[in-house]
Amino acid sequence: MTVLELLEEIEDIVDTAPGLPLTGKIMVDADEVLEIVREIRLSLPDDVQQAKWVKDEKERILGEAKSEYEKIIVEAKKQADYLVETDDITLRAQKLADEIRQNAEEYARILKMRTYDYVDKMLYDMQAKMDDLNLKYFGEMYANLEKSFEEIGGVLQNNRDEIKEMAYRTQNGEDSVYIRQDQEESPVE
């Protein structure tokens, strides 16, 4: 399974989990969720391997370009040496050697630029995928957690207010217990 599929499975577990009354919390099978997290950890190295492959591929292409450049330079020097030996065409040989060297340097530069463009595109695509994952799953998960904490905080504050009111009434000598739920207060004995 891919990381995205595993994250969707966690999302389904959370969506279908039974809720605990009055808490805003849910019950999930810890073993099931932990197993999915383990699978995600095992899947992540594939993405890391792909990034390593891109890096290795860049280095290989740059190595090939350098090797090709060096071969062309060696060939140009050989050709230039041969032409120097023949006196009447020495100037032409020098000019040809310079052209070959320039062509080799230009070819190597073009290969390097293509390699950089290719690696940049691969990294950009991976970065976009990671941003999408972060936005889609973790942003939503944090928003849901924040909402749950706010709801729990509200319930706790209401309970504290009720306890404070009961303490106030007890301190003032009122023996009856009052129930407060945004209704008229009525004594309960």
C-alpha atoms as a PDB file:
ATOM      1  CA  MET A   1       0.000   0.000   0.000  1.00  0.00           C
ATOM      2  CA  THR A   2       1.145   3.533  -0.639  1.00  0.00           C
ATOM      3  CA  VAL A   3       1.569   6.115   2.096  1.00  0.00           C
ATOM      4  CA  LEU A   4      -1.514   7.950   0.809  1.00  0.00           C
ATOM      5  CA  GLU A   5      -3.644   4.811   0.982  1.00  0.00           C
ATOM      6  CA  LEU A   6      -2.436   4.094   4.521  1.00  0.00           C
ATOM      7  CA  LEU A   7      -3.253   7.639   5.617  1.00  0.00           C
ATOM      8  CA  GLU A   8      -6.728   7.287   4.092  1.00  0.00           C
ATOM      9  CA  GLU A   9      -7.161   4.081   6.087  1.00  0.00           C
ATOM     10  CA  ILE A  10      -6.318   5.942   9.317  1.00  0.00           C
ATOM     11  CA  GLU A  11      -8.786   8.632   8.340  1.00  0.00           C
ATOM     12  CA  ASP A  12     -11.496   5.976   7.813  1.00  0.00           C
ATOM     13  CA  ILE A  13     -10.754   4.451  11.236  1.00  0.00           C
ATOM     14  CA  VAL A  14     -11.102   7.854  12.901  1.00  0.00           C
ATOM     15  CA  ASP A  15     -14.290   8.676  10.967  1.00  0.00           C
ATOM     16  CA  THR A  16     -15.995   5.378  11.872  1.00  0.00           C
ATOM     17  CA  ALA A  17     -14.762   5.077  15.475  1.00  0.00           C
ATOM     18  CA  PRO A  18     -17.419   5.162  18.209  1.00  0.00           C
ATOM     19  CA  GLY A  19     -17.481   8.294  20.334  1.00  0.00           C
ATOM     20  CA  LEU A  20     -17.246   8.598  24.111  1.00  0.00           C
ATOM     21  CA  PRO A  21     -20.236  10.512  25.503  1.00  0.00           C
ATOM     22  CA  LEU A  22     -19.647  14.022  26.848  1.00  0.00           C
ATOM     23  CA  THR A  23     -15.933  14.051  25.962  1.00  0.00           C
ATOM     24  CA  GLY A  24     -15.794  14.581  22.235  1.00  0.00           C
ATOM     25  CA  LYS A  25     -13.244  11.752  22.099  1.00  0.00           C
ATOM     26  CA  ILE A  26     -13.348   8.547  20.113  1.00  0.00           C
ATOM     27  CA  MET A  27     -12.218   4.978  20.745  1.00  0.00           C
ATOM     28  CA  VAL A  28      -9.888   3.368  18.228  1.00  0.00           C
ATOM     29  CA  ASP A  29      -8.076   0.047  18.182  1.00  0.00           C
ATOM     30  CA  ALA A  30      -4.532   1.067  19.109  1.00  0.00           C
ATOM     31  CA  ASP A  31      -2.993  -2.060  17.564  1.00  0.00           C
ATOM     32  CA  GLU A  32      -4.723  -1.370  14.246  1.00  0.00           C
ATOM     33  CA  VAL A  33      -3.565   2.259  14.122  1.00  0.00           C
ATOM     34  CA  LEU A  34      -0.019   1.353  15.203  1.00  0.00           C
ATOM     35  CA  GLU A  35       0.158  -1.327  12.497  1.00  0.00           C
ATOM     36  CA  ILE A  36      -0.783   1.269   9.868  1.00  0.00           C
ATOM     37  CA  VAL A  37       1.838   3.674  11.245  1.00  0.00           C
ATOM     38  CA  ARG A  38       4.446   0.875  10.959  1.00  0.00           C
ATOM     39  CA  GLU A  39       3.420   0.307   7.351  1.00  0.00           C
ATOM     40  CA  ILE A  40       3.768   4.052   6.663  1.00  0.00           C
ATOM     41  CA  ARG A  41       7.275   3.982   8.137  1.00  0.00           C
ATOM     42  CA  LEU A  42       8.146   1.043   5.912  1.00  0.00           C
ATOM     43  CA  SER A  43       6.740   2.837   2.841  1.00  0.00           C
ATOM     44  CA  LEU A  44       8.599   6.093   3.441  1.00  0.00           C
ATOM     45  CA  PRO A  45      12.014   4.620   2.593  1.00  0.00           C
ATOM     46  CA  ASP A  46      10.690   4.074  -0.957  1.00  0.00           C
ATOM     47  CA  ASP A  47      10.260   7.838  -1.300  1.00  0.00           C
ATOM     48  CA  VAL A  48      13.680   8.375   0.253  1.00  0.00           C
ATOM     49  CA  GLN A  49      15.148   5.771  -2.128  1.00  0.00           C
ATOM     50  CA  GLN A  50      13.595   7.640  -5.062  1.00  0.00           C
ATOM     51  CA  ALA A  51      15.239  10.878  -3.914  1.00  0.00           C
ATOM     52  CA  LYS A  52      18.578   9.040  -3.536  1.00  0.00           C
ATOM     53  CA  TRP A  53      18.133   7.592  -7.024  1.00  0.00           C
ATOM     54  CA  VAL A  54      17.586  11.112  -8.416  1.00  0.00           C
ATOM     55  CA  LYS A  55      20.767  12.291  -6.692  1.00  0.00           C
ATOM     56  CA  ASP A  56      22.757   9.284  -7.933  1.00  0.00           C
ATOM     57  CA  GLU A  57      21.345   9.748 -11.444  1.00  0.00           C
ATOM     58  CA  LYS A  58      22.439  13.409 -11.404  1.00  0.00           C
ATOM     59  CA  GLU A  59      25.961  12.413 -10.348  1.00  0.00           C
ATOM     60  CA  ARG A  60      26.090   9.695 -13.015  1.00  0.00           C
ATOM     61  CA  ILE A  61      24.983  12.089 -15.760  1.00  0.00           C
ATOM     62  CA  LEU A  62      27.483  14.723 -14.609  1.00  0.00           C
ATOM     63  CA  GLY A  63      30.213  12.052 -14.544  1.00  0.00           C
ATOM     64  CA  GLU A  64      29.337  10.963 -18.073  1.00  0.00           C
ATOM     65  CA  ALA A  65      29.381  14.566 -19.257  1.00  0.00           C
ATOM     66  CA  LYS A  66      32.792  15.136 -17.668  1.00  0.00           C
ATOM     67  CA  SER A  67      34.135  11.902 -19.145  1.00  0.00           C
ATOM     68  CA  GLU A  68      32.813  12.851 -22.592  1.00  0.00           C
ATOM     69  CA  TYR A  69      34.317  16.315 -22.217  1.00  0.00           C
ATOM     70  CA  GLU A  70      37.706  14.830 -21.260  1.00  0.00           C
ATOM     71  CA  LYS A  71      37.612  12.409 -24.205  1.00  0.00           C
ATOM     72  CA  ILE A  72      36.860  15.245 -26.593  1.00  0.00           C
ATOM     73  CA  ILE A  73      39.707  17.306 -25.109  1.00  0.00           C
ATOM     74  CA  VAL A  74      42.146  14.390 -25.409  1.00  0.00           C
ATOM     75  CA  GLU A  75      41.013  13.802 -28.991  1.00  0.00           C
ATOM     76  CA  ALA A  76      41.381  17.486 -29.777  1.00  0.00           C
ATOM     77  CA  LYS A  77      44.916  17.547 -28.343  1.00  0.00           C
ATOM     78  CA  LYS A  78      45.870  14.499 -30.383  1.00  0.00           C
ATOM     79  CA  GLN A  79      44.503  16.087 -33.500  1.00  0.00           C
ATOM     80  CA  ALA A  80      46.213  19.382 -32.698  1.00  0.00           C
ATOM     81  CA  ASP A  81      49.578  17.643 -32.076  1.00  0.00           C
ATOM     82  CA  TYR A  82      49.307  15.873 -35.401  1.00  0.00           C
ATOM     83  CA  LEU A  83      48.543  19.079 -37.230  1.00  0.00           C
ATOM     84  CA  VAL A  84      51.417  20.901 -35.507  1.00  0.00           C
ATOM     85  CA  GLU A  85      53.796  18.319 -36.907  1.00  0.00           C
ATOM     86  CA  THR A  86      52.905  19.415 -40.395  1.00  0.00           C
ATOM     87  CA  ASP A  87      54.307  22.948 -40.592  1.00  0.00           C
ATOM     88  CA  ASP A  88      52.186  24.392 -43.357  1.00  0.00           C
ATOM     89  CA  ILE A  89      48.853  23.706 -41.591  1.00  0.00           C
ATOM     90  CA  THR A  90      49.811  24.572 -38.010  1.00  0.00           C
ATOM     91  CA  LEU A  91      47.561  27.637 -37.878  1.00  0.00           C
ATOM     92  CA  ARG A  92      44.573  25.697 -39.179  1.00  0.00           C
ATOM     93  CA  ALA A  93      45.205  22.990 -36.617  1.00  0.00           C
ATOM     94  CA  GLN A  94      45.282  25.487 -33.768  1.00  0.00           C
ATOM     95  CA  LYS A  95      42.013  27.004 -34.939  1.00  0.00           C
ATOM     96  CA  LEU A  96      40.368  23.578 -35.273  1.00  0.00           C
ATOM     97  CA  ALA A  97      41.588  22.557 -31.822  1.00  0.00           C
ATOM     98  CA  ASP A  98      40.119  25.714 -30.332  1.00  0.00           C
ATOM     99  CA  GLU A  99      36.773  25.058 -32.046  1.00  0.00           C
ATOM    100  CA  ILE A 100      36.727  21.465 -30.823  1.00  0.00           C
ATOM    101  CA  ARG A 101      37.550  22.601 -27.285  1.00  0.00           C
ATOM    102  CA  GLN A 102      34.826  25.251 -27.398  1.00  0.00           C
ATOM    103  CA  ASN A 103      32.322  22.741 -28.776  1.00  0.00           C
ATOM    104  CA  ALA A 104      33.257  20.253 -26.075  1.00  0.00           C
ATOM    105  CA  GLU A 105      32.887  22.865 -23.337  1.00  0.00           C
ATOM    106  CA  GLU A 106      29.532  23.984 -24.781  1.00  0.00           C
ATOM    107  CA  TYR A 107      28.343  20.370 -25.035  1.00  0.00           C
ATOM    108  CA  ALA A 108      29.386  19.703 -21.432  1.00  0.00           C
ATOM    109  CA  ARG A 109      27.642  22.903 -20.292  1.00  0.00           C
ATOM    110  CA  ILE A 110      24.439  21.891 -22.095  1.00  0.00           C
ATOM    111  CA  LEU A 111      24.560  18.411 -20.541  1.00  0.00           C
ATOM    112  CA  LYS A 112      25.049  19.923 -17.079  1.00  0.00           C
ATOM    113  CA  MET A 113      22.142  22.339 -17.571  1.00  0.00           C
ATOM    114  CA  ARG A 114      19.870  19.516 -18.747  1.00  0.00           C
ATOM    115  CA  THR A 115      20.895  17.457 -15.740  1.00  0.00           C
ATOM    116  CA  TYR A 116      20.178  20.327 -13.358  1.00  0.00           C
ATOM    117  CA  ASP A 117      16.781  20.890 -15.010  1.00  0.00           C
ATOM    118  CA  TYR A 118      15.930  17.183 -14.735  1.00  0.00           C
ATOM    119  CA  VAL A 119      16.974  16.945 -11.076  1.00  0.00           C
ATOM    120  CA  ASP A 120      15.171  20.190 -10.250  1.00  0.00           C
ATOM    121  CA  LYS A 121      11.960  18.900 -11.851  1.00  0.00           C
ATOM    122  CA  MET A 122      12.164  15.627  -9.900  1.00  0.00           C
ATOM    123  CA  LEU A 123      12.770  17.478  -6.639  1.00  0.00           C
ATOM    124  CA  TYR A 124       9.984  19.967  -7.414  1.00  0.00           C
ATOM    125  CA  ASP A 125       7.529  17.122  -8.067  1.00  0.00           C
ATOM    126  CA  MET A 126       8.516  15.393  -4.831  1.00  0.00           C
ATOM    127  CA  GLN A 127       8.235  18.663  -2.916  1.00  0.00           C
ATOM    128  CA  ALA A 128       4.756  19.249  -4.350  1.00  0.00           C
ATOM    129  CA  LYS A 129       3.699  15.717  -3.349  1.00  0.00           C
ATOM    130  CA  MET A 130       4.958  16.244   0.192  1.00  0.00           C
ATOM    131  CA  ASP A 131       3.169  19.613   0.410  1.00  0.00           C
ATOM    132  CA  ASP A 132      -0.052  17.968  -0.807  1.00  0.00           C
ATOM    133  CA  LEU A 133       0.278  15.202   1.793  1.00  0.00           C
ATOM    134  CA  ASN A 134       0.932  17.707   4.538  1.00  0.00           C
ATOM    135  CA  LEU A 135      -1.954  19.952   3.521  1.00  0.00           C
ATOM    136  CA  LYS A 136      -4.444  17.155   2.936  1.00  0.00           C
ATOM    137  CA  TYR A 137      -3.821  14.951   5.926  1.00  0.00           C
ATOM    138  CA  PHE A 138      -1.889  16.663   8.648  1.00  0.00           C
ATOM    139  CA  GLY A 139      -3.606  20.046   8.347  1.00  0.00           C
ATOM    140  CA  GLU A 140      -7.033  18.429   8.573  1.00  0.00           C
ATOM    141  CA  MET A 141      -5.943  16.174  11.422  1.00  0.00           C
ATOM    142  CA  TYR A 142      -4.605  19.108  13.449  1.00  0.00           C
ATOM    143  CA  ALA A 143      -7.775  21.123  12.800  1.00  0.00           C
ATOM    144  CA  ASN A 144      -9.897  18.227  14.095  1.00  0.00           C
ATOM    145  CA  LEU A 145      -7.684  17.858  17.170  1.00  0.00           C
ATOM    146  CA  GLU A 146      -7.868  21.574  17.890  1.00  0.00           C
ATOM    147  CA  LYS A 147     -11.675  21.519  17.638  1.00  0.00           C
ATOM    148  CA  SER A 148     -11.846  18.524  20.009  1.00  0.00           C
ATOM    149  CA  PHE A 149      -9.615  20.258  22.559  1.00  0.00           C
ATOM    150  CA  GLU A 150     -11.730  23.413  22.386  1.00  0.00           C
ATOM    151  CA  GLU A 151     -14.917  21.405  22.962  1.00  0.00           C
ATOM    152  CA  ILE A 152     -13.367  19.551  25.899  1.00  0.00           C
ATOM    153  CA  GLY A 153     -12.119  22.853  27.309  1.00  0.00           C
ATOM    154  CA  GLY A 154     -15.655  24.279  27.089  1.00  0.00           C
ATOM    155  CA  VAL A 155     -17.136  21.272  28.915  1.00  0.00           C
ATOM    156  CA  LEU A 156     -14.486  21.520  31.630  1.00  0.00           C
ATOM    157  CA  GLN A 157     -15.080  25.279  32.065  1.00  0.00           C
ATOM    158  CA  ASN A 158     -18.838  24.739  32.390  1.00  0.00           C
ATOM    159  CA  ASN A 159     -18.223  22.053  35.035  1.00  0.00           C
ATOM    160  CA  ARG A 160     -15.870  24.356  36.938  1.00  0.00           C
ATOM    161  CA  ASP A 161     -18.419  27.195  36.827  1.00  0.00           C
ATOM    162  CA  GLU A 162     -21.094  24.861  38.185  1.00  0.00           C
ATOM    163  CA  ILE A 163     -18.830  23.682  41.023  1.00  0.00           C
ATOM    164  CA  LYS A 164     -17.957  27.292  41.892  1.00  0.00           C
ATOM    165  CA  GLU A 165     -21.651  28.187  42.033  1.00  0.00           C
ATOM    166  CA  MET A 166     -22.381  25.202  44.279  1.00  0.00           C
ATOM    167  CA  ALA A 167     -19.477  26.163  46.568  1.00  0.00           C
ATOM    168  CA  TYR A 168     -20.748  29.749  46.711  1.00  0.00           C
ATOM    169  CA  ARG A 169     -24.228  28.588  47.704  1.00  0.00           C
ATOM    170  CA  THR A 170     -22.822  26.235  50.336  1.00  0.00           C
ATOM    171  CA  GLN A 171     -20.651  29.005  51.744  1.00  0.00           C
ATOM    172  CA  ASN A 172     -23.704  31.287  52.023  1.00  0.00           C
ATOM    173  CA  GLY A 173     -25.615  28.649  53.981  1.00  0.00           C
ATOM    174  CA  GLU A 174     -27.999  27.515  51.308  1.00  0.00           C
ATOM    175  CA  ASP A 175     -28.661  23.847  52.018  1.00  0.00           C
ATOM    176  CA  SER A 176     -30.619  23.014  48.882  1.00  0.00           C
ATOM    177  CA  VAL A 177     -28.805  21.813  45.798  1.00  0.00           C
ATOM    178  CA  TYR A 178     -29.504  23.826  42.647  1.00  0.00           C
ATOM    179  CA  ILE A 179     -29.195  22.522  39.095  1.00  0.00           C
ATOM    180  CA  ARG A 180     -28.126  25.094  36.502  1.00  0.00           C
ATOM    181  CA  GLN A 181     -28.600  24.344  32.824  1.00  0.00           C
ATOM    182  CA  ASP A 182     -29.513  27.668  31.266  1.00  0.00           C
ATOM    183  CA  GLN A 183     -33.018  27.298  32.827  1.00  0.00           C
ATOM    184  CA  GLU A 184     -34.707  28.754  35.836  1.00  0.00           C
ATOM    185  CA  GLU A 185     -33.061  27.607  38.997  1.00  0.00           C
ATOM    186  CA  SER A 186     -35.206  25.323  41.133  1.00  0.00           C
ATOM    187  CA  PRO A 187     -34.368  23.665  44.423  1.00  0.00           C
ATOM    188  CA  VAL A 188     -33.902  19.906  44.441  1.00  0.00           C
ATOM    189  CA  GLU A 189     -34.108  18.100  47.789  1.00  0.00           C
END
